[in-house]
Amino acid sequence: GVKEAEHCIALGYKEGSIAEKSIELAVLWYEKAISHRNGMSANNLALMYMNGEGVVKNFKQAEQLFLCALNYGDPNAMDNLVSLYLASG
């Protein structure tokens, strides 16, 4: 489907496996996939915000995205949300 393809494109840009690595394009494609209810994309983008990976570290944005990922059924989002809470004190 569309959301799966968008997720794969985002991942490809993030890792540099489909084209030159581009965090900006990865974020753009993750956001497109999230708009189509892709939980994996929400989880991946949340991790980027949690760790400041190519984006400004933002725990509030990460929390919102992890909650979104949970709502969209991503199985890893709960563990990552707990890690975020532990890291943020």
PDB file of N, CA and C in Angstrom:
ATOM      1  N   GLY A   1       0.800  -1.180   0.000  1.00  0.00           N
ATOM      2  CA  GLY A   1       0.000   0.000   0.000  1.00  0.00           C
ATOM      3  C   GLY A   1       0.851   1.256   0.000  1.00  0.00           C
ATOM      4  N   VAL A   2       0.194   2.361  -0.044  1.00  0.00           N
ATOM      5  CA  VAL A   2       0.856   3.661  -0.103  1.00  0.00           C
ATOM      6  C   VAL A   2       1.677   3.918   1.156  1.00  0.00           C
ATOM      7  N   LYS A   3       1.079   3.689   2.338  1.00  0.00           N
ATOM      8  CA  LYS A   3       1.801   4.006   3.573  1.00  0.00           C
ATOM      9  C   LYS A   3       3.041   3.147   3.747  1.00  0.00           C
ATOM     10  N   GLU A   4       2.999   1.901   3.282  1.00  0.00           N
ATOM     11  CA  GLU A   4       4.173   1.028   3.367  1.00  0.00           C
ATOM     12  C   GLU A   4       5.276   1.520   2.431  1.00  0.00           C
ATOM     13  N   ALA A   5       4.883   1.939   1.228  1.00  0.00           N
ATOM     14  CA  ALA A   5       5.858   2.455   0.265  1.00  0.00           C
ATOM     15  C   ALA A   5       6.494   3.739   0.796  1.00  0.00           C
ATOM     16  N   GLU A   6       5.689   4.621   1.364  1.00  0.00           N
ATOM     17  CA  GLU A   6       6.220   5.863   1.918  1.00  0.00           C
ATOM     18  C   GLU A   6       7.199   5.564   3.050  1.00  0.00           C
ATOM     19  N   HIS A   7       6.861   4.576   3.879  1.00  0.00           N
ATOM     20  CA  HIS A   7       7.759   4.188   4.975  1.00  0.00           C
ATOM     21  C   HIS A   7       9.090   3.680   4.413  1.00  0.00           C
ATOM     22  N   CYS A   8       9.040   2.857   3.391  1.00  0.00           N
ATOM     23  CA  CYS A   8      10.262   2.312   2.788  1.00  0.00           C
ATOM     24  C   CYS A   8      11.121   3.415   2.173  1.00  0.00           C
ATOM     25  N   ILE A   9      10.488   4.384   1.541  1.00  0.00           N
ATOM     26  CA  ILE A   9      11.231   5.501   0.963  1.00  0.00           C
ATOM     27  C   ILE A   9      11.917   6.296   2.074  1.00  0.00           C
ATOM     28  N   ALA A  10      11.177   6.561   3.149  1.00  0.00           N
ATOM     29  CA  ALA A  10      11.752   7.302   4.285  1.00  0.00           C
ATOM     30  C   ALA A  10      12.953   6.565   4.851  1.00  0.00           C
ATOM     31  N   LEU A  11      12.798   5.273   5.050  1.00  0.00           N
ATOM     32  CA  LEU A  11      13.886   4.464   5.604  1.00  0.00           C
ATOM     33  C   LEU A  11      15.092   4.474   4.666  1.00  0.00           C
ATOM     34  N   GLY A  12      14.823   4.391   3.371  1.00  0.00           N
ATOM     35  CA  GLY A  12      15.898   4.425   2.386  1.00  0.00           C
ATOM     36  C   GLY A  12      16.684   5.723   2.418  1.00  0.00           C
ATOM     37  N   TYR A  13      15.987   6.845   2.578  1.00  0.00           N
ATOM     38  CA  TYR A  13      16.685   8.129   2.699  1.00  0.00           C
ATOM     39  C   TYR A  13      17.428   8.235   4.026  1.00  0.00           C
ATOM     40  N   LYS A  14      16.835   7.726   5.089  1.00  0.00           N
ATOM     41  CA  LYS A  14      17.480   7.808   6.401  1.00  0.00           C
ATOM     42  C   LYS A  14      18.785   7.022   6.413  1.00  0.00           C
ATOM     43  N   GLU A  15      18.756   5.847   5.792  1.00  0.00           N
ATOM     44  CA  GLU A  15      19.936   4.978   5.787  1.00  0.00           C
ATOM     45  C   GLU A  15      20.853   5.211   4.594  1.00  0.00           C
ATOM     46  N   GLY A  16      20.371   5.949   3.595  1.00  0.00           N
ATOM     47  CA  GLY A  16      21.163   6.176   2.393  1.00  0.00           C
ATOM     48  C   GLY A  16      21.203   4.969   1.478  1.00  0.00           C
ATOM     49  N   SER A  17      20.197   4.107   1.566  1.00  0.00           N
ATOM     50  CA  SER A  17      20.203   2.877   0.771  1.00  0.00           C
ATOM     51  C   SER A  17      19.533   3.019  -0.589  1.00  0.00           C
ATOM     52  N   ILE A  18      18.713   4.061  -0.797  1.00  0.00           N
ATOM     53  CA  ILE A  18      18.068   4.240  -2.106  1.00  0.00           C
ATOM     54  C   ILE A  18      18.620   5.438  -2.856  1.00  0.00           C
ATOM     55  N   ALA A  19      19.237   6.321  -2.129  1.00  0.00           N
ATOM     56  CA  ALA A  19      19.820   7.542  -2.698  1.00  0.00           C
ATOM     57  C   ALA A  19      20.775   8.079  -1.651  1.00  0.00           C
ATOM     58  N   GLU A  20      21.367   9.217  -1.940  1.00  0.00           N
ATOM     59  CA  GLU A  20      22.234   9.833  -0.945  1.00  0.00           C
ATOM     60  C   GLU A  20      21.437  10.060   0.340  1.00  0.00           C
ATOM     61  N   LYS A  21      22.055   9.778   1.465  1.00  0.00           N
ATOM     62  CA  LYS A  21      21.393   9.937   2.755  1.00  0.00           C
ATOM     63  C   LYS A  21      20.875  11.359   2.902  1.00  0.00           C
ATOM     64  N   SER A  22      19.615  11.478   3.312  1.00  0.00           N
ATOM     65  CA  SER A  22      19.002  12.786   3.513  1.00  0.00           C
ATOM     66  C   SER A  22      18.002  12.699   4.659  1.00  0.00           C
ATOM     67  N   ILE A  23      18.380  13.247   5.798  1.00  0.00           N
ATOM     68  CA  ILE A  23      17.476  13.250   6.948  1.00  0.00           C
ATOM     69  C   ILE A  23      16.236  14.084   6.642  1.00  0.00           C
ATOM     70  N   GLU A  24      16.413  15.193   5.927  1.00  0.00           N
ATOM     71  CA  GLU A  24      15.275  16.052   5.601  1.00  0.00           C
ATOM     72  C   GLU A  24      14.231  15.298   4.781  1.00  0.00           C
ATOM     73  N   LEU A  25      14.690  14.546   3.780  1.00  0.00           N
ATOM     74  CA  LEU A  25      13.748  13.773   2.968  1.00  0.00           C
ATOM     75  C   LEU A  25      13.170  12.600   3.749  1.00  0.00           C
ATOM     76  N   ALA A  26      13.969  12.018   4.630  1.00  0.00           N
ATOM     77  CA  ALA A  26      13.457  10.928   5.469  1.00  0.00           C
ATOM     78  C   ALA A  26      12.313  11.437   6.337  1.00  0.00           C
ATOM     79  N   VAL A  27      12.514  12.588   6.971  1.00  0.00           N
ATOM     80  CA  VAL A  27      11.460  13.170   7.815  1.00  0.00           C
ATOM     81  C   VAL A  27      10.217  13.458   6.985  1.00  0.00           C
ATOM     82  N   LEU A  28      10.394  14.032   5.810  1.00  0.00           N
ATOM     83  CA  LEU A  28       9.267  14.335   4.929  1.00  0.00           C
ATOM     84  C   LEU A  28       8.467  13.078   4.600  1.00  0.00           C
ATOM     85  N   TRP A  29       9.160  12.001   4.222  1.00  0.00           N
ATOM     86  CA  TRP A  29       8.468  10.767   3.852  1.00  0.00           C
ATOM     87  C   TRP A  29       7.875  10.053   5.060  1.00  0.00           C
ATOM     88  N   TYR A  30       8.541  10.127   6.221  1.00  0.00           N
ATOM     89  CA  TYR A  30       7.927   9.577   7.430  1.00  0.00           C
ATOM     90  C   TYR A  30       6.624  10.313   7.733  1.00  0.00           C
ATOM     91  N   GLU A  31       6.645  11.638   7.608  1.00  0.00           N
ATOM     92  CA  GLU A  31       5.437  12.414   7.879  1.00  0.00           C
ATOM     93  C   GLU A  31       4.306  12.060   6.906  1.00  0.00           C
ATOM     94  N   LYS A  32       4.644  11.824   5.637  1.00  0.00           N
ATOM     95  CA  LYS A  32       3.633  11.406   4.664  1.00  0.00           C
ATOM     96  C   LYS A  32       3.025  10.061   5.072  1.00  0.00           C
ATOM     97  N   ALA A  33       3.894   9.121   5.470  1.00  0.00           N
ATOM     98  CA  ALA A  33       3.413   7.800   5.879  1.00  0.00           C
ATOM     99  C   ALA A  33       2.558   7.888   7.144  1.00  0.00           C
ATOM    100  N   ILE A  34       2.953   8.750   8.075  1.00  0.00           N
ATOM    101  CA  ILE A  34       2.180   8.930   9.300  1.00  0.00           C
ATOM    102  C   ILE A  34       0.797   9.490   8.973  1.00  0.00           C
ATOM    103  N   SER A  35       0.723  10.372   7.995  1.00  0.00           N
ATOM    104  CA  SER A  35      -0.576  10.932   7.611  1.00  0.00           C
ATOM    105  C   SER A  35      -1.494   9.851   7.049  1.00  0.00           C
ATOM    106  N   HIS A  36      -0.909   8.720   6.644  1.00  0.00           N
ATOM    107  CA  HIS A  36      -1.689   7.572   6.171  1.00  0.00           C
ATOM    108  C   HIS A  36      -1.754   6.473   7.231  1.00  0.00           C
ATOM    109  N   ARG A  37      -1.488   6.848   8.484  1.00  0.00           N
ATOM    110  CA  ARG A  37      -1.649   5.971   9.651  1.00  0.00           C
ATOM    111  C   ARG A  37      -0.611   4.847   9.731  1.00  0.00           C
ATOM    112  N   ASN A  38       0.627   5.137   9.367  1.00  0.00           N
ATOM    113  CA  ASN A  38       1.691   4.137   9.464  1.00  0.00           C
ATOM    114  C   ASN A  38       2.383   4.265  10.823  1.00  0.00           C
ATOM    115  N   GLY A  39       2.159   3.279  11.672  1.00  0.00           N
ATOM    116  CA  GLY A  39       2.730   3.285  13.011  1.00  0.00           C
ATOM    117  C   GLY A  39       4.235   3.140  13.037  1.00  0.00           C
ATOM    118  N   MET A  40       4.794   2.350  12.135  1.00  0.00           N
ATOM    119  CA  MET A  40       6.252   2.179  12.098  1.00  0.00           C
ATOM    120  C   MET A  40       6.950   3.506  11.795  1.00  0.00           C
ATOM    121  N   SER A  41       6.370   4.283  10.911  1.00  0.00           N
ATOM    122  CA  SER A  41       6.954   5.585  10.583  1.00  0.00           C
ATOM    123  C   SER A  41       6.881   6.526  11.779  1.00  0.00           C
ATOM    124  N   ALA A  42       5.760   6.509  12.479  1.00  0.00           N
ATOM    125  CA  ALA A  42       5.632   7.350  13.675  1.00  0.00           C
ATOM    126  C   ALA A  42       6.668   6.937  14.716  1.00  0.00           C
ATOM    127  N   ASN A  43       6.851   5.642  14.894  1.00  0.00           N
ATOM    128  CA  ASN A  43       7.832   5.140  15.857  1.00  0.00           C
ATOM    129  C   ASN A  43       9.254   5.545  15.450  1.00  0.00           C
ATOM    130  N   ASN A  44       9.592   5.370  14.178  1.00  0.00           N
ATOM    131  CA  ASN A  44      10.942   5.710  13.712  1.00  0.00           C
ATOM    132  C   ASN A  44      11.227   7.203  13.849  1.00  0.00           C
ATOM    133  N   LEU A  45      10.257   8.024  13.479  1.00  0.00           N
ATOM    134  CA  LEU A  45      10.456   9.469  13.591  1.00  0.00           C
ATOM    135  C   LEU A  45      10.550   9.875  15.061  1.00  0.00           C
ATOM    136  N   ALA A  46       9.768   9.242  15.909  1.00  0.00           N
ATOM    137  CA  ALA A  46       9.842   9.514  17.350  1.00  0.00           C
ATOM    138  C   ALA A  46      11.236   9.191  17.886  1.00  0.00           C
ATOM    139  N   LEU A  47      11.794   8.083  17.445  1.00  0.00           N
ATOM    140  CA  LEU A  47      13.154   7.720  17.878  1.00  0.00           C
ATOM    141  C   LEU A  47      14.163   8.772  17.448  1.00  0.00           C
ATOM    142  N   MET A  48      13.981   9.302  16.253  1.00  0.00           N
ATOM    143  CA  MET A  48      14.881  10.355  15.784  1.00  0.00           C
ATOM    144  C   MET A  48      14.795  11.579  16.692  1.00  0.00           C
ATOM    145  N   TYR A  49      13.578  11.972  17.073  1.00  0.00           N
ATOM    146  CA  TYR A  49      13.409  13.117  17.968  1.00  0.00           C
ATOM    147  C   TYR A  49      13.910  12.806  19.376  1.00  0.00           C
ATOM    148  N   MET A  50      13.709  11.588  19.835  1.00  0.00           N
ATOM    149  CA  MET A  50      14.165  11.205  21.166  1.00  0.00           C
ATOM    150  C   MET A  50      15.687  11.265  21.267  1.00  0.00           C
ATOM    151  N   ASN A  51      16.366  10.832  20.211  1.00  0.00           N
ATOM    152  CA  ASN A  51      17.824  10.741  20.224  1.00  0.00           C
ATOM    153  C   ASN A  51      18.525  11.922  19.565  1.00  0.00           C
ATOM    154  N   GLY A  52      17.752  12.843  18.999  1.00  0.00           N
ATOM    155  CA  GLY A  52      18.364  13.968  18.284  1.00  0.00           C
ATOM    156  C   GLY A  52      19.132  13.501  17.066  1.00  0.00           C
ATOM    157  N   GLU A  53      18.593  12.500  16.398  1.00  0.00           N
ATOM    158  CA  GLU A  53      19.260  11.897  15.238  1.00  0.00           C
ATOM    159  C   GLU A  53      18.874  12.643  13.960  1.00  0.00           C
ATOM    160  N   GLY A  54      19.678  13.660  13.618  1.00  0.00           N
ATOM    161  CA  GLY A  54      19.421  14.431  12.407  1.00  0.00           C
ATOM    162  C   GLY A  54      18.375  15.514  12.576  1.00  0.00           C
ATOM    163  N   VAL A  55      17.733  15.548  13.733  1.00  0.00           N
ATOM    164  CA  VAL A  55      16.746  16.569  14.071  1.00  0.00           C
ATOM    165  C   VAL A  55      17.084  17.086  15.469  1.00  0.00           C
ATOM    166  N   VAL A  56      16.512  18.204  15.829  1.00  0.00           N
ATOM    167  CA  VAL A  56      16.730  18.730  17.176  1.00  0.00           C
ATOM    168  C   VAL A  56      16.020  17.809  18.168  1.00  0.00           C
ATOM    169  N   LYS A  57      16.749  17.405  19.211  1.00  0.00           N
ATOM    170  CA  LYS A  57      16.159  16.532  20.229  1.00  0.00           C
ATOM    171  C   LYS A  57      14.942  17.215  20.824  1.00  0.00           C
ATOM    172  N   ASN A  58      13.817  16.479  20.852  1.00  0.00           N
ATOM    173  CA  ASN A  58      12.564  17.056  21.334  1.00  0.00           C
ATOM    174  C   ASN A  58      11.736  15.936  21.958  1.00  0.00           C
ATOM    175  N   PHE A  59      11.798  15.823  23.289  1.00  0.00           N
ATOM    176  CA  PHE A  59      11.098  14.740  23.984  1.00  0.00           C
ATOM    177  C   PHE A  59       9.579  14.865  23.843  1.00  0.00           C
ATOM    178  N   LYS A  60       9.055  16.078  23.809  1.00  0.00           N
ATOM    179  CA  LYS A  60       7.602  16.252  23.681  1.00  0.00           C
ATOM    180  C   LYS A  60       7.131  15.758  22.307  1.00  0.00           C
ATOM    181  N   GLN A  61       7.864  16.100  21.264  1.00  0.00           N
ATOM    182  CA  GLN A  61       7.518  15.630  19.916  1.00  0.00           C
ATOM    183  C   GLN A  61       7.642  14.116  19.842  1.00  0.00           C
ATOM    184  N   ALA A  62       8.695  13.575  20.454  1.00  0.00           N
ATOM    185  CA  ALA A  62       8.880  12.123  20.469  1.00  0.00           C
ATOM    186  C   ALA A  62       7.709  11.446  21.179  1.00  0.00           C
ATOM    187  N   GLU A  63       7.303  12.000  22.311  1.00  0.00           N
ATOM    188  CA  GLU A  63       6.180  11.420  23.059  1.00  0.00           C
ATOM    189  C   GLU A  63       4.918  11.392  22.205  1.00  0.00           C
ATOM    190  N   GLN A  64       4.608  12.505  21.553  1.00  0.00           N
ATOM    191  CA  GLN A  64       3.411  12.573  20.711  1.00  0.00           C
ATOM    192  C   GLN A  64       3.467  11.537  19.587  1.00  0.00           C
ATOM    193  N   LEU A  65       4.641  11.374  19.003  1.00  0.00           N
ATOM    194  CA  LEU A  65       4.785  10.410  17.908  1.00  0.00           C
ATOM    195  C   LEU A  65       4.713   8.970  18.411  1.00  0.00           C
ATOM    196  N   PHE A  66       5.298   8.682  19.580  1.00  0.00           N
ATOM    197  CA  PHE A  66       5.172   7.330  20.141  1.00  0.00           C
ATOM    198  C   PHE A  66       3.712   7.010  20.446  1.00  0.00           C
ATOM    199  N   LEU A  67       2.987   7.972  20.982  1.00  0.00           N
ATOM    200  CA  LEU A  67       1.565   7.751  21.259  1.00  0.00           C
ATOM    201  C   LEU A  67       0.789   7.521  19.963  1.00  0.00           C
ATOM    202  N   CYS A  68       1.144   8.253  18.942  1.00  0.00           N
ATOM    203  CA  CYS A  68       0.548   8.064  17.622  1.00  0.00           C
ATOM    204  C   CYS A  68       0.862   6.657  17.111  1.00  0.00           C
ATOM    205  N   ALA A  69       2.116   6.249  17.247  1.00  0.00           N
ATOM    206  CA  ALA A  69       2.533   4.915  16.804  1.00  0.00           C
ATOM    207  C   ALA A  69       1.759   3.830  17.546  1.00  0.00           C
ATOM    208  N   LEU A  70       1.570   4.019  18.844  1.00  0.00           N
ATOM    209  CA  LEU A  70       0.768   3.070  19.625  1.00  0.00           C
ATOM    210  C   LEU A  70      -0.646   2.994  19.079  1.00  0.00           C
ATOM    211  N   ASN A  71      -1.222   4.153  18.823  1.00  0.00           N
ATOM    212  CA  ASN A  71      -2.586   4.223  18.302  1.00  0.00           C
ATOM    213  C   ASN A  71      -2.711   3.536  16.947  1.00  0.00           C
ATOM    214  N   TYR A  72      -1.635   3.582  16.151  1.00  0.00           N
ATOM    215  CA  TYR A  72      -1.639   2.966  14.821  1.00  0.00           C
ATOM    216  C   TYR A  72      -1.151   1.519  14.849  1.00  0.00           C
ATOM    217  N   GLY A  73      -0.865   0.991  16.049  1.00  0.00           N
ATOM    218  CA  GLY A  73      -0.585  -0.435  16.183  1.00  0.00           C
ATOM    219  C   GLY A  73       0.865  -0.864  16.105  1.00  0.00           C
ATOM    220  N   ASP A  74       1.821   0.061  16.251  1.00  0.00           N
ATOM    221  CA  ASP A  74       3.219  -0.364  16.202  1.00  0.00           C
ATOM    222  C   ASP A  74       3.584  -1.104  17.487  1.00  0.00           C
ATOM    223  N   PRO A  75       4.086  -2.328  17.386  1.00  0.00           N
ATOM    224  CA  PRO A  75       4.372  -3.129  18.584  1.00  0.00           C
ATOM    225  C   PRO A  75       5.581  -2.651  19.388  1.00  0.00           C
ATOM    226  N   ASN A  76       6.451  -1.846  18.808  1.00  0.00           N
ATOM    227  CA  ASN A  76       7.646  -1.378  19.508  1.00  0.00           C
ATOM    228  C   ASN A  76       7.442  -0.052  20.230  1.00  0.00           C
ATOM    229  N   ALA A  77       6.357   0.615  19.954  1.00  0.00           N
ATOM    230  CA  ALA A  77       6.160   1.972  20.461  1.00  0.00           C
ATOM    231  C   ALA A  77       6.080   2.025  21.988  1.00  0.00           C
ATOM    232  N   MET A  78       5.458   1.050  22.618  1.00  0.00           N
ATOM    233  CA  MET A  78       5.321   1.080  24.079  1.00  0.00           C
ATOM    234  C   MET A  78       6.680   1.000  24.764  1.00  0.00           C
ATOM    235  N   ASP A  79       7.531   0.079  24.328  1.00  0.00           N
ATOM    236  CA  ASP A  79       8.870  -0.027  24.915  1.00  0.00           C
ATOM    237  C   ASP A  79       9.656   1.260  24.712  1.00  0.00           C
ATOM    238  N   ASN A  80       9.538   1.832  23.536  1.00  0.00           N
ATOM    239  CA  ASN A  80      10.261   3.077  23.248  1.00  0.00           C
ATOM    240  C   ASN A  80       9.716   4.245  24.064  1.00  0.00           C
ATOM    241  N   LEU A  81       8.411   4.261  24.287  1.00  0.00           N
ATOM    242  CA  LEU A  81       7.804   5.313  25.105  1.00  0.00           C
ATOM    243  C   LEU A  81       8.308   5.210  26.544  1.00  0.00           C
ATOM    244  N   VAL A  82       8.392   4.002  27.068  1.00  0.00           N
ATOM    245  CA  VAL A  82       8.935   3.794  28.411  1.00  0.00           C
ATOM    246  C   VAL A  82      10.387   4.273  28.470  1.00  0.00           C
ATOM    247  N   SER A  83      11.176   3.949  27.461  1.00  0.00           N
ATOM    248  CA  SER A  83      12.567   4.411  27.415  1.00  0.00           C
ATOM    249  C   SER A  83      12.632   5.933  27.401  1.00  0.00           C
ATOM    250  N   LEU A  84      11.726   6.554  26.666  1.00  0.00           N
ATOM    251  CA  LEU A  84      11.685   8.019  26.628  1.00  0.00           C
ATOM    252  C   LEU A  84      11.402   8.572  28.023  1.00  0.00           C
ATOM    253  N   TYR A  85      10.398   8.004  28.697  1.00  0.00           N
ATOM    254  CA  TYR A  85      10.055   8.486  30.038  1.00  0.00           C
ATOM    255  C   TYR A  85      11.223   8.306  31.002  1.00  0.00           C
ATOM    256  N   LEU A  86      11.923   7.197  30.903  1.00  0.00           N
ATOM    257  CA  LEU A  86      13.075   6.964  31.771  1.00  0.00           C
ATOM    258  C   LEU A  86      14.217   7.945  31.468  1.00  0.00           C
ATOM    259  N   ALA A  87      14.408   8.230  30.181  1.00  0.00           N
ATOM    260  CA  ALA A  87      15.488   9.142  29.774  1.00  0.00           C
ATOM    261  C   ALA A  87      15.189  10.591  30.151  1.00  0.00           C
ATOM    262  N   SER A  88      13.912  10.935  30.188  1.00  0.00           N
ATOM    263  CA  SER A  88      13.549  12.334  30.448  1.00  0.00           C
ATOM    264  C   SER A  88      13.391  12.619  31.944  1.00  0.00           C
ATOM    265  N   GLY A  89      13.515  11.581  32.746  1.00  0.00           N
ATOM    266  CA  GLY A  89      13.496  11.766  34.198  1.00  0.00           C
ATOM    267  C   GLY A  89      12.120  11.969  34.703  1.00  0.00           C
TER     268      GLY A  89
END
